[in-house]
């Protein structure tokens, strides 16, 4: 079986892969390297209203939740495994 190209994966794809393949240390280290190499900015322009900042934060949270939902095994697949 060929090894996946972690550099070609998006951050969300790599996150999903790591969750699905928790024993793959190389994938885990690739994700950690990617996350620490370019951490997300935690600042917002002064021109943004508190409501706009709140919406931006909620969008980020929802994006992370979608990533986790896609990566989480379904109950049906756990029963057949």
N, C-alpha and C. Protein backbone atom coordinates (compact mmCIF):
# COMPACT_ATOMS: atom_id res chain seq x y z
N UNK A 1 0.84 -1.17 0.00
CA UNK A 1 0.00 0.00 0.00
C UNK A 1 0.89 1.24 0.00
N UNK A 2 0.57 2.20 -0.86
CA UNK A 2 1.41 3.40 -0.95
C UNK A 2 1.09 4.37 0.19
N UNK A 3 2.11 5.11 0.56
CA UNK A 3 1.98 6.07 1.65
C UNK A 3 1.33 7.35 1.13
N UNK A 4 0.37 7.93 1.86
CA UNK A 4 -0.28 9.17 1.41
C UNK A 4 0.71 10.33 1.38
N UNK A 5 0.46 11.28 0.49
CA UNK A 5 1.28 12.48 0.39
C UNK A 5 0.68 13.54 1.31
N UNK A 6 1.22 13.69 2.50
CA UNK A 6 0.67 14.62 3.48
C UNK A 6 0.81 16.07 3.02
N UNK A 7 1.86 16.36 2.26
CA UNK A 7 2.07 17.73 1.78
C UNK A 7 0.97 18.15 0.80
N UNK A 8 0.40 17.19 0.08
CA UNK A 8 -0.63 17.50 -0.90
C UNK A 8 -2.01 17.65 -0.26
N UNK A 9 -2.15 17.20 0.99
CA UNK A 9 -3.45 17.28 1.67
C UNK A 9 -3.69 18.68 2.23
N UNK A 10 -4.96 19.07 2.25
CA UNK A 10 -5.31 20.31 2.94
C UNK A 10 -5.21 20.05 4.44
N UNK A 11 -5.24 21.12 5.21
CA UNK A 11 -5.18 20.95 6.67
C UNK A 11 -6.37 20.13 7.16
N UNK A 12 -7.56 20.38 6.59
CA UNK A 12 -8.75 19.63 7.00
C UNK A 12 -8.62 18.16 6.62
N UNK A 13 -8.09 17.87 5.43
CA UNK A 13 -7.91 16.48 5.02
C UNK A 13 -6.89 15.77 5.91
N UNK A 14 -5.82 16.47 6.23
CA UNK A 14 -4.79 15.88 7.09
C UNK A 14 -5.34 15.64 8.49
N UNK A 15 -6.12 16.58 8.99
CA UNK A 15 -6.77 16.42 10.30
C UNK A 15 -7.67 15.18 10.29
N UNK A 16 -8.47 15.04 9.25
CA UNK A 16 -9.37 13.89 9.14
C UNK A 16 -8.58 12.59 9.04
N UNK A 17 -7.47 12.61 8.30
CA UNK A 17 -6.64 11.42 8.15
C UNK A 17 -6.05 11.00 9.50
N UNK A 18 -5.55 11.99 10.25
CA UNK A 18 -4.95 11.69 11.55
C UNK A 18 -5.98 11.10 12.50
N UNK A 19 -7.19 11.63 12.48
CA UNK A 19 -8.24 11.10 13.35
C UNK A 19 -8.61 9.68 12.95
N UNK A 20 -8.66 9.43 11.65
CA UNK A 20 -9.02 8.10 11.16
C UNK A 20 -7.89 7.08 11.31
N UNK A 21 -6.64 7.57 11.34
CA UNK A 21 -5.46 6.68 11.43
C UNK A 21 -4.62 7.10 12.64
N UNK A 22 -5.15 6.91 13.82
CA UNK A 22 -4.51 7.40 15.03
C UNK A 22 -3.18 6.72 15.33
N UNK A 23 -2.89 5.61 14.70
CA UNK A 23 -1.62 4.93 14.94
C UNK A 23 -0.52 5.39 13.98
N UNK A 24 -0.84 6.28 13.05
CA UNK A 24 0.13 6.77 12.07
C UNK A 24 0.87 7.98 12.64
N UNK A 25 2.04 7.72 13.23
CA UNK A 25 2.81 8.80 13.86
C UNK A 25 3.33 9.80 12.84
N UNK A 26 3.69 9.33 11.66
CA UNK A 26 4.19 10.24 10.63
C UNK A 26 3.12 11.26 10.24
N UNK A 27 1.88 10.81 10.13
CA UNK A 27 0.78 11.73 9.80
C UNK A 27 0.56 12.72 10.94
N UNK A 28 0.63 12.22 12.17
CA UNK A 28 0.46 13.10 13.33
C UNK A 28 1.52 14.19 13.34
N UNK A 29 2.78 13.81 13.13
CA UNK A 29 3.86 14.80 13.13
C UNK A 29 3.72 15.77 11.96
N UNK A 30 3.24 15.30 10.82
CA UNK A 30 3.02 16.19 9.68
C UNK A 30 1.95 17.23 10.02
N UNK A 31 0.90 16.80 10.72
CA UNK A 31 -0.16 17.74 11.12
C UNK A 31 0.37 18.74 12.14
N UNK A 32 1.11 18.26 13.13
CA UNK A 32 1.67 19.17 14.14
C UNK A 32 2.61 20.17 13.48
N UNK A 33 3.45 19.70 12.57
CA UNK A 33 4.36 20.61 11.86
C UNK A 33 3.57 21.68 11.10
N UNK A 34 2.50 21.25 10.45
CA UNK A 34 1.70 22.20 9.68
C UNK A 34 1.02 23.22 10.59
N UNK A 35 0.51 22.76 11.72
CA UNK A 35 -0.20 23.66 12.64
C UNK A 35 0.75 24.64 13.31
N UNK A 36 1.95 24.20 13.63
CA UNK A 36 2.89 25.10 14.31
C UNK A 36 3.65 25.99 13.35
N UNK A 37 3.75 25.59 12.09
CA UNK A 37 4.48 26.39 11.11
C UNK A 37 3.72 27.67 10.75
N UNK A 38 2.42 27.59 10.73
CA UNK A 38 1.62 28.74 10.33
C UNK A 38 0.39 28.83 11.23
N UNK A 39 0.58 29.27 12.47
CA UNK A 39 -0.57 29.33 13.37
C UNK A 39 -1.58 30.37 12.88
N UNK A 40 -2.86 30.12 13.12
CA UNK A 40 -3.87 31.07 12.69
C UNK A 40 -3.75 32.38 13.46
N UNK A 41 -4.07 33.44 12.78
CA UNK A 41 -4.03 34.75 13.41
C UNK A 41 -5.19 34.88 14.39
N UNK A 42 -4.93 35.44 15.54
CA UNK A 42 -5.98 35.63 16.53
C UNK A 42 -6.40 37.08 16.66
N UNK A 43 -5.98 37.90 15.70
CA UNK A 43 -6.33 39.32 15.78
C UNK A 43 -7.33 39.67 14.68
N UNK A 44 -8.10 40.68 14.95
CA UNK A 44 -9.10 41.16 14.00
C UNK A 44 -8.93 42.67 13.84
N UNK A 45 -9.22 43.20 12.66
CA UNK A 45 -9.06 44.63 12.45
C UNK A 45 -9.93 45.45 13.40
N UNK A 46 -9.43 46.60 13.78
CA UNK A 46 -10.17 47.46 14.71
C UNK A 46 -11.50 47.91 14.13
N UNK A 47 -11.62 47.88 12.81
CA UNK A 47 -12.86 48.33 12.17
C UNK A 47 -14.00 47.32 12.31
N UNK A 48 -13.68 46.09 12.73
CA UNK A 48 -14.73 45.08 12.89
C UNK A 48 -15.53 45.35 14.15
N UNK A 49 -16.84 45.17 14.03
CA UNK A 49 -17.70 45.32 15.20
C UNK A 49 -17.61 44.05 16.04
N UNK A 50 -18.00 44.11 17.30
CA UNK A 50 -18.00 42.89 18.11
C UNK A 50 -18.87 41.79 17.49
N UNK A 51 -19.96 42.17 16.85
CA UNK A 51 -20.83 41.17 16.20
C UNK A 51 -20.11 40.48 15.04
N UNK A 52 -19.33 41.25 14.27
CA UNK A 52 -18.57 40.67 13.16
C UNK A 52 -17.48 39.73 13.67
N UNK A 53 -16.84 40.11 14.74
CA UNK A 53 -15.81 39.25 15.34
C UNK A 53 -16.45 37.97 15.87
N UNK A 54 -17.58 38.10 16.53
CA UNK A 54 -18.31 36.94 17.05
C UNK A 54 -18.67 35.98 15.91
N UNK A 55 -19.17 36.52 14.80
CA UNK A 55 -19.53 35.70 13.65
C UNK A 55 -18.29 35.01 13.07
N UNK A 56 -17.18 35.73 12.98
CA UNK A 56 -15.94 35.15 12.45
C UNK A 56 -15.48 33.98 13.32
N UNK A 57 -15.56 34.14 14.62
CA UNK A 57 -15.16 33.07 15.55
C UNK A 57 -16.09 31.87 15.42
N UNK A 58 -17.40 32.13 15.33
CA UNK A 58 -18.36 31.04 15.15
C UNK A 58 -18.10 30.29 13.85
N UNK A 59 -17.76 31.00 12.79
CA UNK A 59 -17.44 30.36 11.51
C UNK A 59 -16.25 29.42 11.65
N UNK A 60 -15.23 29.85 12.38
CA UNK A 60 -14.05 29.01 12.60
C UNK A 60 -14.42 27.76 13.39
N UNK A 61 -15.22 27.93 14.43
CA UNK A 61 -15.65 26.79 15.25
C UNK A 61 -16.45 25.81 14.41
N UNK A 62 -17.38 26.31 13.59
CA UNK A 62 -18.19 25.43 12.75
C UNK A 62 -17.33 24.68 11.73
N UNK A 63 -16.32 25.35 11.19
CA UNK A 63 -15.43 24.70 10.24
C UNK A 63 -14.68 23.55 10.92
N UNK A 64 -14.21 23.76 12.13
CA UNK A 64 -13.50 22.70 12.86
C UNK A 64 -14.44 21.55 13.20
N UNK A 65 -15.69 21.87 13.56
CA UNK A 65 -16.66 20.82 13.87
C UNK A 65 -16.97 19.98 12.64
N UNK A 66 -17.08 20.62 11.47
CA UNK A 66 -17.33 19.87 10.23
C UNK A 66 -16.17 18.92 9.96
N UNK A 67 -14.96 19.37 10.19
CA UNK A 67 -13.79 18.53 9.99
C UNK A 67 -13.85 17.30 10.91
N UNK A 68 -14.20 17.53 12.15
CA UNK A 68 -14.26 16.42 13.11
C UNK A 68 -15.40 15.46 12.77
N UNK A 69 -16.55 15.99 12.33
CA UNK A 69 -17.68 15.13 11.97
C UNK A 69 -17.34 14.24 10.78
N UNK A 70 -16.64 14.81 9.80
CA UNK A 70 -16.27 14.02 8.62
C UNK A 70 -15.28 12.93 9.00
N UNK A 71 -14.43 13.21 9.95
CA UNK A 71 -13.38 12.26 10.33
C UNK A 71 -13.87 11.20 11.30
N UNK A 72 -14.92 11.50 12.04
CA UNK A 72 -15.41 10.56 13.05
C UNK A 72 -16.08 9.37 12.38
N UNK A 73 -15.76 8.17 12.83
CA UNK A 73 -16.42 6.99 12.26
C UNK A 73 -17.89 6.97 12.64
N UNK A 74 -18.71 6.49 11.73
CA UNK A 74 -20.13 6.39 12.03
C UNK A 74 -20.38 5.16 12.88
N UNK A 75 -21.52 5.11 13.52
CA UNK A 75 -21.83 3.97 14.37
C UNK A 75 -21.98 2.70 13.55
N UNK A 76 -22.51 2.82 12.32
CA UNK A 76 -22.67 1.64 11.47
C UNK A 76 -21.33 1.03 11.10
N UNK A 77 -20.33 1.88 10.79
CA UNK A 77 -19.02 1.34 10.42
C UNK A 77 -18.33 0.70 11.61
N UNK A 78 -18.61 1.19 12.82
CA UNK A 78 -18.02 0.58 14.01
C UNK A 78 -18.60 -0.80 14.26
N UNK A 79 -19.90 -0.98 13.96
CA UNK A 79 -20.55 -2.27 14.19
C UNK A 79 -20.05 -3.33 13.22
N UNK A 80 -19.71 -2.92 11.99
CA UNK A 80 -19.26 -3.88 11.00
C UNK A 80 -17.77 -4.17 11.10
N UNK A 81 -17.04 -3.34 11.82
CA UNK A 81 -15.58 -3.52 11.92
C UNK A 81 -15.23 -4.60 12.91
